[in-house]
PDB file of N, CA and C in Angstrom:
ATOM      1  N   MET A   1     -33.822 -11.029  -4.220  1.00  0.00           N
ATOM      2  CA  MET A   1     -34.674 -10.624  -3.136  1.00  0.00           C
ATOM      3  C   MET A   1     -35.430  -9.359  -3.562  1.00  0.00           C
ATOM      4  N   LYS A   2     -36.727  -9.426  -3.572  1.00  0.00           N
ATOM      5  CA  LYS A   2     -37.578  -8.298  -3.962  1.00  0.00           C
ATOM      6  C   LYS A   2     -37.979  -7.496  -2.735  1.00  0.00           C
ATOM      7  N   ASN A   3     -38.041  -6.178  -2.918  1.00  0.00           N
ATOM      8  CA  ASN A   3     -38.491  -5.293  -1.861  1.00  0.00           C
ATOM      9  C   ASN A   3     -39.049  -4.045  -2.529  1.00  0.00           C
ATOM     10  N   LYS A   4     -40.288  -3.686  -2.203  1.00  0.00           N
ATOM     11  CA  LYS A   4     -40.957  -2.581  -2.885  1.00  0.00           C
ATOM     12  C   LYS A   4     -40.187  -1.261  -2.748  1.00  0.00           C
ATOM     13  N   LYS A   5     -39.738  -0.934  -1.539  1.00  0.00           N
ATOM     14  CA  LYS A   5     -38.995   0.325  -1.345  1.00  0.00           C
ATOM     15  C   LYS A   5     -37.718   0.334  -2.174  1.00  0.00           C
ATOM     16  N   ALA A   6     -37.005  -0.780  -2.148  1.00  0.00           N
ATOM     17  CA  ALA A   6     -35.761  -0.876  -2.912  1.00  0.00           C
ATOM     18  C   ALA A   6     -36.047  -0.831  -4.409  1.00  0.00           C
ATOM     19  N   ASP A   7     -37.129  -1.476  -4.836  1.00  0.00           N
ATOM     20  CA  ASP A   7     -37.478  -1.509  -6.257  1.00  0.00           C
ATOM     21  C   ASP A   7     -37.877  -0.135  -6.783  1.00  0.00           C
ATOM     22  N   LEU A   8     -38.479   0.691  -5.929  1.00  0.00           N
ATOM     23  CA  LEU A   8     -38.941   2.018  -6.349  1.00  0.00           C
ATOM     24  C   LEU A   8     -37.864   3.088  -6.237  1.00  0.00           C
ATOM     25  N   PHE A   9     -36.782   2.795  -5.541  1.00  0.00           N
ATOM     26  CA  PHE A   9     -35.709   3.776  -5.362  1.00  0.00           C
ATOM     27  C   PHE A   9     -35.053   4.085  -6.701  1.00  0.00           C
ATOM     28  N   ASP A  10     -34.886   5.372  -7.005  1.00  0.00           N
ATOM     29  CA  ASP A  10     -34.299   5.823  -8.269  1.00  0.00           C
ATOM     30  C   ASP A  10     -32.783   5.920  -8.126  1.00  0.00           C
ATOM     31  N   ILE A  11     -32.094   4.871  -8.497  1.00  0.00           N
ATOM     32  CA  ILE A  11     -30.637   4.823  -8.384  1.00  0.00           C
ATOM     33  C   ILE A  11     -30.004   5.951  -9.192  1.00  0.00           C
ATOM     34  N   GLU A  12     -30.391   6.067 -10.432  1.00  0.00           N
ATOM     35  CA  GLU A  12     -29.773   7.036 -11.333  1.00  0.00           C
ATOM     36  C   GLU A  12     -29.870   8.475 -10.810  1.00  0.00           C
ATOM     37  N   ALA A  13     -31.002   8.838 -10.235  1.00  0.00           N
ATOM     38  CA  ALA A  13     -31.196  10.203  -9.729  1.00  0.00           C
ATOM     39  C   ALA A  13     -30.366  10.476  -8.481  1.00  0.00           C
ATOM     40  N   ASN A  14     -29.860   9.437  -7.836  1.00  0.00           N
ATOM     41  CA  ASN A  14     -29.126   9.604  -6.583  1.00  0.00           C
ATOM     42  C   ASN A  14     -27.640   9.257  -6.687  1.00  0.00           C
ATOM     43  N   ILE A  15     -27.128   9.124  -7.900  1.00  0.00           N
ATOM     44  CA  ILE A  15     -25.706   8.836  -8.091  1.00  0.00           C
ATOM     45  C   ILE A  15     -24.890  10.072  -7.714  1.00  0.00           C
ATOM     46  N   LYS A  16     -23.891   9.865  -6.866  1.00  0.00           N
ATOM     47  CA  LYS A  16     -22.988  10.951  -6.465  1.00  0.00           C
ATOM     48  C   LYS A  16     -21.664  10.869  -7.206  1.00  0.00           C
ATOM     49  N   GLU A  17     -21.205   9.677  -7.472  1.00  0.00           N
ATOM     50  CA  GLU A  17     -19.967   9.460  -8.219  1.00  0.00           C
ATOM     51  C   GLU A  17     -20.134   8.198  -9.061  1.00  0.00           C
ATOM     52  N   CYS A  18     -19.580   8.246 -10.256  1.00  0.00           N
ATOM     53  CA  CYS A  18     -19.623   7.054 -11.103  1.00  0.00           C
ATOM     54  C   CYS A  18     -18.424   7.068 -12.040  1.00  0.00           C
ATOM     55  N   ASP A  19     -17.625   6.035 -11.963  1.00  0.00           N
ATOM     56  CA  ASP A  19     -16.484   5.842 -12.835  1.00  0.00           C
ATOM     57  C   ASP A  19     -16.594   4.415 -13.366  1.00  0.00           C
ATOM     58  N   ALA A  20     -17.347   4.265 -14.439  1.00  0.00           N
ATOM     59  CA  ALA A  20     -17.633   2.930 -14.967  1.00  0.00           C
ATOM     60  C   ALA A  20     -17.201   2.837 -16.425  1.00  0.00           C
ATOM     61  N   SER A  21     -16.583   1.722 -16.763  1.00  0.00           N
ATOM     62  CA  SER A  21     -16.182   1.482 -18.146  1.00  0.00           C
ATOM     63  C   SER A  21     -16.165  -0.020 -18.405  1.00  0.00           C
ATOM     64  N   HIS A  22     -15.732  -0.390 -19.593  1.00  0.00           N
ATOM     65  CA  HIS A  22     -15.636  -1.814 -19.928  1.00  0.00           C
ATOM     66  C   HIS A  22     -14.561  -2.512 -19.092  1.00  0.00           C
ATOM     67  N   ARG A  23     -13.810  -1.748 -18.296  1.00  0.00           N
ATOM     68  CA  ARG A  23     -12.791  -2.314 -17.412  1.00  0.00           C
ATOM     69  C   ARG A  23     -13.204  -2.263 -15.944  1.00  0.00           C
ATOM     70  N   GLY A  24     -14.496  -2.079 -15.691  1.00  0.00           N
ATOM     71  CA  GLY A  24     -14.973  -2.044 -14.314  1.00  0.00           C
ATOM     72  C   GLY A  24     -15.073  -0.628 -13.795  1.00  0.00           C
ATOM     73  N   GLY A  25     -14.753  -0.430 -12.514  1.00  0.00           N
ATOM     74  CA  GLY A  25     -14.826   0.891 -11.906  1.00  0.00           C
ATOM     75  C   GLY A  25     -15.677   0.857 -10.650  1.00  0.00           C
ATOM     76  N   SER A  26     -16.344   2.002 -10.383  1.00  0.00           N
ATOM     77  CA  SER A  26     -17.152   2.071  -9.172  1.00  0.00           C
ATOM     78  C   SER A  26     -18.304   3.067  -9.324  1.00  0.00           C
ATOM     79  N   ILE A  27     -19.264   2.945  -8.411  1.00  0.00           N
ATOM     80  CA  ILE A  27     -20.420   3.831  -8.360  1.00  0.00           C
ATOM     81  C   ILE A  27     -20.754   4.085  -6.886  1.00  0.00           C
ATOM     82  N   LYS A  28     -21.148   5.324  -6.590  1.00  0.00           N
ATOM     83  CA  LYS A  28     -21.529   5.715  -5.233  1.00  0.00           C
ATOM     84  C   LYS A  28     -22.909   6.355  -5.304  1.00  0.00           C
ATOM     85  N   VAL A  29     -23.839   5.858  -4.483  1.00  0.00           N
ATOM     86  CA  VAL A  29     -25.238   6.278  -4.513  1.00  0.00           C
ATOM     87  C   VAL A  29     -25.650   6.786  -3.132  1.00  0.00           C
ATOM     88  N   ASP A  30     -26.277   7.964  -3.100  1.00  0.00           N
ATOM     89  CA  ASP A  30     -26.801   8.530  -1.855  1.00  0.00           C
ATOM     90  C   ASP A  30     -28.137   7.856  -1.552  1.00  0.00           C
ATOM     91  N   VAL A  31     -28.213   7.139  -0.439  1.00  0.00           N
ATOM     92  CA  VAL A  31     -29.432   6.420  -0.062  1.00  0.00           C
ATOM     93  C   VAL A  31     -30.064   7.007   1.196  1.00  0.00           C
ATOM     94  N   SER A  32     -29.755   8.258   1.485  1.00  0.00           N
ATOM     95  CA  SER A  32     -30.249   8.891   2.714  1.00  0.00           C
ATOM     96  C   SER A  32     -31.767   9.022   2.747  1.00  0.00           C
ATOM     97  N   GLU A  33     -32.425   9.056   1.585  1.00  0.00           N
ATOM     98  CA  GLU A  33     -33.893   9.124   1.614  1.00  0.00           C
ATOM     99  C   GLU A  33     -34.510   7.820   2.112  1.00  0.00           C
ATOM    100  N   LEU A  34     -33.805   6.715   1.955  1.00  0.00           N
ATOM    101  CA  LEU A  34     -34.289   5.425   2.469  1.00  0.00           C
ATOM    102  C   LEU A  34     -33.867   5.192   3.923  1.00  0.00           C
ATOM    103  N   PHE A  35     -32.722   5.742   4.295  1.00  0.00           N
ATOM    104  CA  PHE A  35     -32.175   5.534   5.632  1.00  0.00           C
ATOM    105  C   PHE A  35     -31.829   6.888   6.263  1.00  0.00           C
ATOM    106  N   PRO A  36     -32.826   7.702   6.591  1.00  0.00           N
ATOM    107  CA  PRO A  36     -32.585   9.067   7.069  1.00  0.00           C
ATOM    108  C   PRO A  36     -31.849   9.143   8.409  1.00  0.00           C
ATOM    109  N   GLU A  37     -31.874   8.090   9.197  1.00  0.00           N
ATOM    110  CA  GLU A  37     -31.215   8.096  10.510  1.00  0.00           C
ATOM    111  C   GLU A  37     -29.724   7.763  10.417  1.00  0.00           C
ATOM    112  N   VAL A  38     -29.288   7.322   9.250  1.00  0.00           N
ATOM    113  CA  VAL A  38     -27.910   6.857   9.084  1.00  0.00           C
ATOM    114  C   VAL A  38     -27.001   7.995   8.628  1.00  0.00           C
ATOM    115  N   GLU A  39     -25.883   8.155   9.340  1.00  0.00           N
ATOM    116  CA  GLU A  39     -24.868   9.113   8.916  1.00  0.00           C
ATOM    117  C   GLU A  39     -24.066   8.475   7.781  1.00  0.00           C
ATOM    118  N   ASN A  40     -23.706   9.257   6.779  1.00  0.00           N
ATOM    119  CA  ASN A  40     -22.988   8.743   5.608  1.00  0.00           C
ATOM    120  C   ASN A  40     -23.754   7.606   4.932  1.00  0.00           C
ATOM    121  N   ALA A  41     -24.996   7.872   4.599  1.00  0.00           N
ATOM    122  CA  ALA A  41     -25.858   6.864   3.977  1.00  0.00           C
ATOM    123  C   ALA A  41     -25.558   6.764   2.482  1.00  0.00           C
ATOM    124  N   PHE A  42     -24.448   6.099   2.188  1.00  0.00           N
ATOM    125  CA  PHE A  42     -24.043   5.876   0.805  1.00  0.00           C
ATOM    126  C   PHE A  42     -23.852   4.386   0.589  1.00  0.00           C
ATOM    127  N   MET A  43     -24.319   3.929  -0.561  1.00  0.00           N
ATOM    128  CA  MET A  43     -24.098   2.550  -0.986  1.00  0.00           C
ATOM    129  C   MET A  43     -23.495   2.595  -2.369  1.00  0.00           C
ATOM    130  N   GLY A  44     -22.938   1.503  -2.798  1.00  0.00           N
ATOM    131  CA  GLY A  44     -22.353   1.488  -4.121  1.00  0.00           C
ATOM    132  C   GLY A  44     -21.937   0.102  -4.540  1.00  0.00           C
ATOM    133  N   ALA A  45     -21.126   0.086  -5.575  1.00  0.00           N
ATOM    134  CA  ALA A  45     -20.593  -1.161  -6.111  1.00  0.00           C
ATOM    135  C   ALA A  45     -19.264  -0.869  -6.786  1.00  0.00           C
ATOM    136  N   TYR A  46     -18.425  -1.882  -6.861  1.00  0.00           N
ATOM    137  CA  TYR A  46     -17.176  -1.734  -7.595  1.00  0.00           C
ATOM    138  C   TYR A  46     -16.838  -3.047  -8.282  1.00  0.00           C
ATOM    139  N   GLN A  47     -15.981  -2.920  -9.276  1.00  0.00           N
ATOM    140  CA  GLN A  47     -15.586  -4.088 -10.059  1.00  0.00           C
ATOM    141  C   GLN A  47     -14.142  -3.909 -10.494  1.00  0.00           C
ATOM    142  N   ASN A  48     -13.316  -4.909 -10.240  1.00  0.00           N
ATOM    143  CA  ASN A  48     -11.909  -4.877 -10.626  1.00  0.00           C
ATOM    144  C   ASN A  48     -11.717  -5.464 -12.019  1.00  0.00           C
ATOM    145  N   TYR A  49     -10.696  -4.962 -12.690  1.00  0.00           N
ATOM    146  CA  TYR A  49     -10.286  -5.532 -13.973  1.00  0.00           C
ATOM    147  C   TYR A  49      -9.303  -6.655 -13.680  1.00  0.00           C
ATOM    148  N   LEU A  50      -9.573  -7.843 -14.204  1.00  0.00           N
ATOM    149  CA  LEU A  50      -8.728  -9.002 -13.937  1.00  0.00           C
ATOM    150  C   LEU A  50      -7.587  -9.136 -14.933  1.00  0.00           C
ATOM    151  N   GLY A  51      -7.711  -8.474 -16.072  1.00  0.00           N
ATOM    152  CA  GLY A  51      -6.723  -8.602 -17.130  1.00  0.00           C
ATOM    153  C   GLY A  51      -7.245  -9.511 -18.217  1.00  0.00           C
ATOM    154  N   GLY A  52      -6.649  -9.421 -19.371  1.00  0.00           N
ATOM    155  CA  GLY A  52      -7.042 -10.274 -20.484  1.00  0.00           C
ATOM    156  C   GLY A  52      -8.469 -10.045 -20.952  1.00  0.00           C
ATOM    157  N   GLY A  53      -8.984  -8.852 -20.725  1.00  0.00           N
ATOM    158  CA  GLY A  53     -10.343  -8.531 -21.144  1.00  0.00           C
ATOM    159  C   GLY A  53     -11.416  -8.978 -20.166  1.00  0.00           C
ATOM    160  N   LEU A  54     -11.027  -9.510 -19.016  1.00  0.00           N
ATOM    161  CA  LEU A  54     -11.999  -9.997 -18.033  1.00  0.00           C
ATOM    162  C   LEU A  54     -12.133  -9.031 -16.861  1.00  0.00           C
ATOM    163  N   ARG A  55     -13.372  -8.854 -16.434  1.00  0.00           N
ATOM    164  CA  ARG A  55     -13.658  -8.100 -15.209  1.00  0.00           C
ATOM    165  C   ARG A  55     -14.106  -9.085 -14.149  1.00  0.00           C
ATOM    166  N   GLY A  56     -13.807  -8.768 -12.908  1.00  0.00           N
ATOM    167  CA  GLY A  56     -14.194  -9.630 -11.802  1.00  0.00           C
ATOM    168  C   GLY A  56     -15.654  -9.470 -11.440  1.00  0.00           C
ATOM    169  N   ALA A  57     -16.060 -10.180 -10.414  1.00  0.00           N
ATOM    170  CA  ALA A  57     -17.421 -10.075  -9.893  1.00  0.00           C
ATOM    171  C   ALA A  57     -17.652  -8.660  -9.361  1.00  0.00           C
ATOM    172  N   ILE A  58     -18.880  -8.207  -9.428  1.00  0.00           N
ATOM    173  CA  ILE A  58     -19.245  -6.898  -8.900  1.00  0.00           C
ATOM    174  C   ILE A  58     -19.537  -7.053  -7.417  1.00  0.00           C
ATOM    175  N   VAL A  59     -18.950  -6.168  -6.621  1.00  0.00           N
ATOM    176  CA  VAL A  59     -19.091  -6.223  -5.172  1.00  0.00           C
ATOM    177  C   VAL A  59     -19.934  -5.039  -4.720  1.00  0.00           C
ATOM    178  N   GLY A  60     -20.927  -5.308  -3.900  1.00  0.00           N
ATOM    179  CA  GLY A  60     -21.728  -4.243  -3.309  1.00  0.00           C
ATOM    180  C   GLY A  60     -21.054  -3.743  -2.042  1.00  0.00           C
ATOM    181  N   ALA A  61     -21.198  -2.452  -1.775  1.00  0.00           N
ATOM    182  CA  ALA A  61     -20.544  -1.865  -0.606  1.00  0.00           C
ATOM    183  C   ALA A  61     -21.427  -0.785  -0.006  1.00  0.00           C
ATOM    184  N   SER A  62     -21.117  -0.418   1.240  1.00  0.00           N
ATOM    185  CA  SER A  62     -21.814   0.693   1.876  1.00  0.00           C
ATOM    186  C   SER A  62     -20.873   1.377   2.851  1.00  0.00           C
ATOM    187  N   MET A  63     -21.184   2.628   3.179  1.00  0.00           N
ATOM    188  CA  MET A  63     -20.374   3.379   4.135  1.00  0.00           C
ATOM    189  C   MET A  63     -20.959   3.275   5.539  1.00  0.00           C
ATOM    190  N   PHE A  64     -21.856   2.323   5.723  1.00  0.00           N
ATOM    191  CA  PHE A  64     -22.456   2.077   7.034  1.00  0.00           C
ATOM    192  C   PHE A  64     -22.731   0.590   7.162  1.00  0.00           C
ATOM    193  N   GLU A  65     -22.895   0.152   8.371  1.00  0.00           N
ATOM    194  CA  GLU A  65     -23.144  -1.257   8.648  1.00  0.00           C
ATOM    195  C   GLU A  65     -24.644  -1.550   8.607  1.00  0.00           C
ATOM    196  N   PRO A  66     -25.068  -2.569   7.901  1.00  0.00           N
ATOM    197  CA  PRO A  66     -26.487  -2.908   7.899  1.00  0.00           C
ATOM    198  C   PRO A  66     -26.986  -3.304   9.290  1.00  0.00           C
ATOM    199  N   ALA A  67     -26.074  -3.687  10.179  1.00  0.00           N
ATOM    200  CA  ALA A  67     -26.467  -4.044  11.547  1.00  0.00           C
ATOM    201  C   ALA A  67     -27.056  -2.844  12.291  1.00  0.00           C
ATOM    202  N   GLU A  68     -26.752  -1.619  11.815  1.00  0.00           N
ATOM    203  CA  GLU A  68     -27.302  -0.399  12.420  1.00  0.00           C
ATOM    204  C   GLU A  68     -28.791  -0.248  12.122  1.00  0.00           C
ATOM    205  N   LEU A  69     -29.283  -0.989  11.160  1.00  0.00           N
ATOM    206  CA  LEU A  69     -30.643  -0.818  10.653  1.00  0.00           C
ATOM    207  C   LEU A  69     -31.633  -1.741  11.352  1.00  0.00           C
ATOM    208  N   SER A  70     -32.903  -1.348  11.294  1.00  0.00           N
ATOM    209  CA  SER A  70     -33.962  -2.229  11.787  1.00  0.00           C
ATOM    210  C   SER A  70     -34.088  -3.426  10.843  1.00  0.00           C
ATOM    211  N   ARG A  71     -34.825  -4.425  11.251  1.00  0.00           N
ATOM    212  CA  ARG A  71     -35.007  -5.617  10.421  1.00  0.00           C
ATOM    213  C   ARG A  71     -35.616  -5.273   9.058  1.00  0.00           C
ATOM    214  N   ASN A  72     -36.647  -4.413   9.047  1.00  0.00           N
ATOM    215  CA  ASN A  72     -37.270  -4.012   7.776  1.00  0.00           C
ATOM    216  C   ASN A  72     -36.306  -3.214   6.914  1.00  0.00           C
ATOM    217  N   GLU A  73     -35.518  -2.334   7.535  1.00  0.00           N
ATOM    218  CA  GLU A  73     -34.532  -1.561   6.775  1.00  0.00           C
ATOM    219  C   GLU A  73     -33.448  -2.467   6.211  1.00  0.00           C
ATOM    220  N   GLN A  74     -33.103  -3.514   6.937  1.00  0.00           N
ATOM    221  CA  GLN A  74     -32.108  -4.458   6.429  1.00  0.00           C
ATOM    222  C   GLN A  74     -32.613  -5.153   5.169  1.00  0.00           C
ATOM    223  N   LYS A  75     -33.890  -5.463   5.121  1.00  0.00           N
ATOM    224  CA  LYS A  75     -34.475  -6.071   3.918  1.00  0.00           C
ATOM    225  C   LYS A  75     -34.343  -5.121   2.736  1.00  0.00           C
ATOM    226  N   VAL A  76     -34.624  -3.835   2.979  1.00  0.00           N
ATOM    227  CA  VAL A  76     -34.470  -2.820   1.928  1.00  0.00           C
ATOM    228  C   VAL A  76     -33.002  -2.744   1.520  1.00  0.00           C
ATOM    229  N   PHE A  77     -32.110  -2.704   2.494  1.00  0.00           N
ATOM    230  CA  PHE A  77     -30.674  -2.600   2.249  1.00  0.00           C
ATOM    231  C   PHE A  77     -30.181  -3.707   1.321  1.00  0.00           C
ATOM    232  N   PHE A  78     -30.483  -4.954   1.664  1.00  0.00           N
ATOM    233  CA  PHE A  78     -29.944  -6.068   0.878  1.00  0.00           C
ATOM    234  C   PHE A  78     -30.571  -6.150  -0.516  1.00  0.00           C
ATOM    235  N   ALA A  79     -31.839  -5.814  -0.637  1.00  0.00           N
ATOM    236  CA  ALA A  79     -32.472  -5.781  -1.958  1.00  0.00           C
ATOM    237  C   ALA A  79     -31.873  -4.657  -2.807  1.00  0.00           C
ATOM    238  N   LEU A  80     -31.634  -3.502  -2.194  1.00  0.00           N
ATOM    239  CA  LEU A  80     -31.055  -2.375  -2.933  1.00  0.00           C
ATOM    240  C   LEU A  80     -29.607  -2.652  -3.309  1.00  0.00           C
ATOM    241  N   LYS A  81     -28.884  -3.307  -2.438  1.00  0.00           N
ATOM    242  CA  LYS A  81     -27.492  -3.669  -2.737  1.00  0.00           C
ATOM    243  C   LYS A  81     -27.422  -4.497  -4.020  1.00  0.00           C
ATOM    244  N   GLU A  82     -28.315  -5.457  -4.144  1.00  0.00           N
ATOM    245  CA  GLU A  82     -28.343  -6.290  -5.359  1.00  0.00           C
ATOM    246  C   GLU A  82     -28.756  -5.463  -6.576  1.00  0.00           C
ATOM    247  N   ARG A  83     -29.731  -4.576  -6.411  1.00  0.00           N
ATOM    248  CA  ARG A  83     -30.154  -3.709  -7.520  1.00  0.00           C
ATOM    249  C   ARG A  83     -29.026  -2.809  -7.999  1.00  0.00           C
ATOM    250  N   ILE A  84     -28.237  -2.267  -7.070  1.00  0.00           N
ATOM    251  CA  ILE A  84     -27.111  -1.402  -7.440  1.00  0.00           C
ATOM    252  C   ILE A  84     -26.061  -2.204  -8.195  1.00  0.00           C
ATOM    253  N   LYS A  85     -25.785  -3.418  -7.764  1.00  0.00           N
ATOM    254  CA  LYS A  85     -24.829  -4.272  -8.481  1.00  0.00           C
ATOM    255  C   LYS A  85     -25.318  -4.554  -9.898  1.00  0.00           C
ATOM    256  N   LYS A  86     -26.601  -4.848 -10.046  1.00  0.00           N
ATOM    257  CA  LYS A  86     -27.154  -5.101 -11.386  1.00  0.00           C
ATOM    258  C   LYS A  86     -27.154  -3.826 -12.237  1.00  0.00           C
ATOM    259  N   TYR A  87     -27.438  -2.696 -11.602  1.00  0.00           N
ATOM    260  CA  TYR A  87     -27.379  -1.416 -12.321  1.00  0.00           C
ATOM    261  C   TYR A  87     -25.960  -1.185 -12.833  1.00  0.00           C
ATOM    262  N   PHE A  88     -24.970  -1.434 -11.985  1.00  0.00           N
ATOM    263  CA  PHE A  88     -23.575  -1.260 -12.384  1.00  0.00           C
ATOM    264  C   PHE A  88     -23.218  -2.205 -13.528  1.00  0.00           C
ATOM    265  N   PHE A  89     -23.687  -3.435 -13.446  1.00  0.00           N
ATOM    266  CA  PHE A  89     -23.467  -4.390 -14.537  1.00  0.00           C
ATOM    267  C   PHE A  89     -24.034  -3.848 -15.842  1.00  0.00           C
ATOM    268  N   ALA A  90     -25.237  -3.298 -15.770  1.00  0.00           N
ATOM    269  CA  ALA A  90     -25.890  -2.766 -16.970  1.00  0.00           C
ATOM    270  C   ALA A  90     -25.100  -1.617 -17.574  1.00  0.00           C
ATOM    271  N   ILE A  91     -24.619  -0.678 -16.738  1.00  0.00           N
ATOM    272  CA  ILE A  91     -23.917   0.476 -17.320  1.00  0.00           C
ATOM    273  C   ILE A  91     -22.516   0.132 -17.804  1.00  0.00           C
ATOM    274  N   THR A  92     -21.924  -0.931 -17.291  1.00  0.00           N
ATOM    275  CA  THR A  92     -20.597  -1.309 -17.790  1.00  0.00           C
ATOM    276  C   THR A  92     -20.691  -2.214 -19.015  1.00  0.00           C
ATOM    277  N   ASN A  93     -21.880  -2.628 -19.367  1.00  0.00           N
ATOM    278  CA  ASN A  93     -22.073  -3.470 -20.548  1.00  0.00           C
ATOM    279  C   ASN A  93     -22.836  -2.738 -21.639  1.00  0.00           C
ATOM    280  N   ASP A  94     -23.960  -2.169 -21.320  1.00  0.00           N
ATOM    281  CA  ASP A  94     -24.780  -1.423 -22.273  1.00  0.00           C
ATOM    282  C   ASP A  94     -25.825  -0.680 -21.462  1.00  0.00           C
ATOM    283  N   GLU A  95     -25.810   0.634 -21.526  1.00  0.00           N
ATOM    284  CA  GLU A  95     -26.697   1.434 -20.665  1.00  0.00           C
ATOM    285  C   GLU A  95     -28.170   1.067 -20.794  1.00  0.00           C
ATOM    286  N   ASN A  96     -28.587   0.511 -21.911  1.00  0.00           N
ATOM    287  CA  ASN A  96     -29.999   0.176 -22.113  1.00  0.00           C
ATOM    288  C   ASN A  96     -30.293  -1.290 -21.821  1.00  0.00           C
ATOM    289  N   LEU A  97     -29.371  -1.938 -21.137  1.00  0.00           N
ATOM    290  CA  LEU A  97     -29.524  -3.360 -20.823  1.00  0.00           C
ATOM    291  C   LEU A  97     -30.729  -3.579 -19.917  1.00  0.00           C
ATOM    292  N   ASP A  98     -31.599  -4.481 -20.306  1.00  0.00           N
ATOM    293  CA  ASP A  98     -32.789  -4.811 -19.515  1.00  0.00           C
ATOM    294  C   ASP A  98     -32.455  -5.977 -18.597  1.00  0.00           C
ATOM    295  N   MET A  99     -32.360  -5.692 -17.301  1.00  0.00           N
ATOM    296  CA  MET A  99     -31.985  -6.743 -16.350  1.00  0.00           C
ATOM    297  C   MET A  99     -33.142  -7.684 -16.050  1.00  0.00           C
ATOM    298  N   ASN A 100     -34.302  -7.451 -16.640  1.00  0.00           N
ATOM    299  CA  ASN A 100     -35.420  -8.390 -16.515  1.00  0.00           C
ATOM    300  C   ASN A 100     -35.383  -9.442 -17.613  1.00  0.00           C
ATOM    301  N   ASP A 101     -34.490  -9.275 -18.568  1.00  0.00           N
ATOM    302  CA  ASP A 101     -34.328 -10.217 -19.664  1.00  0.00           C
ATOM    303  C   ASP A 101     -33.530 -11.429 -19.165  1.00  0.00           C
ATOM    304  N   GLU A 102     -34.002 -12.613 -19.480  1.00  0.00           N
ATOM    305  CA  GLU A 102     -33.379 -13.842 -18.990  1.00  0.00           C
ATOM    306  C   GLU A 102     -31.913 -13.962 -19.418  1.00  0.00           C
ATOM    307  N   TRP A 103     -31.596 -13.590 -20.658  1.00  0.00           N
ATOM    308  CA  TRP A 103     -30.220 -13.679 -21.159  1.00  0.00           C
ATOM    309  C   TRP A 103     -29.294 -12.779 -20.341  1.00  0.00           C
ATOM    310  N   ASN A 104     -29.727 -11.535 -20.086  1.00  0.00           N
ATOM    311  CA  ASN A 104     -28.906 -10.609 -19.316  1.00  0.00           C
ATOM    312  C   ASN A 104     -28.736 -11.090 -17.879  1.00  0.00           C
ATOM    313  N   THR A 105     -29.764 -11.695 -17.324  1.00  0.00           N
ATOM    314  CA  THR A 105     -29.675 -12.243 -15.976  1.00  0.00           C
ATOM    315  C   THR A 105     -28.644 -13.363 -15.934  1.00  0.00           C
ATOM    316  N   MET A 106     -28.625 -14.206 -16.959  1.00  0.00           N
ATOM    317  CA  MET A 106     -27.643 -15.289 -17.026  1.00  0.00           C
ATOM    318  C   MET A 106     -26.235 -14.726 -17.153  1.00  0.00           C
ATOM    319  N   GLU A 107     -26.063 -13.678 -17.953  1.00  0.00           N
ATOM    320  CA  GLU A 107     -24.751 -13.052 -18.112  1.00  0.00           C
ATOM    321  C   GLU A 107     -24.275 -12.427 -16.793  1.00  0.00           C
ATOM    322  N   TYR A 108     -25.206 -11.800 -16.069  1.00  0.00           N
ATOM    323  CA  TYR A 108     -24.884 -11.217 -14.763  1.00  0.00           C
ATOM    324  C   TYR A 108     -24.429 -12.319 -13.804  1.00  0.00           C
ATOM    325  N   GLU A 109     -25.170 -13.405 -13.744  1.00  0.00           N
ATOM    326  CA  GLU A 109     -24.817 -14.506 -12.854  1.00  0.00           C
ATOM    327  C   GLU A 109     -23.466 -15.115 -13.231  1.00  0.00           C
ATOM    328  N   LYS A 110     -23.191 -15.200 -14.527  1.00  0.00           N
ATOM    329  CA  LYS A 110     -21.897 -15.692 -14.999  1.00  0.00           C
ATOM    330  C   LYS A 110     -20.790 -14.747 -14.529  1.00  0.00           C
ATOM    331  N   GLN A 111     -21.021 -13.441 -14.666  1.00  0.00           N
ATOM    332  CA  GLN A 111     -20.051 -12.444 -14.209  1.00  0.00           C
ATOM    333  C   GLN A 111     -19.800 -12.573 -12.713  1.00  0.00           C
ATOM    334  N   GLN A 112     -20.868 -12.802 -11.957  1.00  0.00           N
ATOM    335  CA  GLN A 112     -20.754 -12.888 -10.501  1.00  0.00           C
ATOM    336  C   GLN A 112     -20.047 -14.156 -10.038  1.00  0.00           C
ATOM    337  N   SER A 113     -19.895 -15.141 -10.928  1.00  0.00           N
ATOM    338  CA  SER A 113     -19.183 -16.362 -10.558  1.00  0.00           C
ATOM    339  C   SER A 113     -17.674 -16.199 -10.669  1.00  0.00           C
ATOM    340  N   LEU A 114     -17.213 -15.087 -11.232  1.00  0.00           N
ATOM    341  CA  LEU A 114     -15.778 -14.834 -11.373  1.00  0.00           C
ATOM    342  C   LEU A 114     -15.195 -14.340 -10.054  1.00  0.00           C
ATOM    343  N   PRO A 115     -13.876 -14.441  -9.896  1.00  0.00           N
ATOM    344  CA  PRO A 115     -13.271 -13.911  -8.674  1.00  0.00           C
ATOM    345  C   PRO A 115     -13.410 -12.384  -8.626  1.00  0.00           C
ATOM    346  N   VAL A 116     -13.283 -11.827  -7.438  1.00  0.00           N
ATOM    347  CA  VAL A 116     -13.359 -10.379  -7.266  1.00  0.00           C
ATOM    348  C   VAL A 116     -12.083  -9.707  -7.730  1.00  0.00           C
ATOM    349  N   SER A 117     -10.961 -10.374  -7.490  1.00  0.00           N
ATOM    350  CA  SER A 117      -9.654  -9.794  -7.821  1.00  0.00           C
ATOM    351  C   SER A 117      -8.754 -10.850  -8.440  1.00  0.00           C
ATOM    352  N   GLY A 118      -7.801 -10.389  -9.207  1.00  0.00           N
ATOM    353  CA  GLY A 118      -6.837 -11.303  -9.825  1.00  0.00           C
ATOM    354  C   GLY A 118      -5.608 -11.497  -8.964  1.00  0.00           C
ATOM    355  N   TYR A 119      -5.596 -10.939  -7.782  1.00  0.00           N
ATOM    356  CA  TYR A 119      -4.411 -11.011  -6.913  1.00  0.00           C
ATOM    357  C   TYR A 119      -4.643 -11.910  -5.732  1.00  0.00           C
TER     358      TYR A 119
END
């Protein structure tokens, strides 16, 4: 899902916490510039380690409910959620990974087909 506001948002400049490695981890992004009316306007992603060298699917998260947002803000929210998940995929694989490359997109989709947790 494409959205101009979400596409122009600088994820890297707004990272508040990031614990990412080849075993997964998490990222927390301050999105208050996009959603100024929202208290605790943080979004992020996390990924569990499944064991045996496998990481689970990347899950997008937020500290607020998208239902609080207007219809247009919800479009921004869901587009940004996907961008943050792809950003997290890139930094846990190779920081210079181009997510516009077809091969990397296929690898991301393959990763997303895995379970979230091994439990």
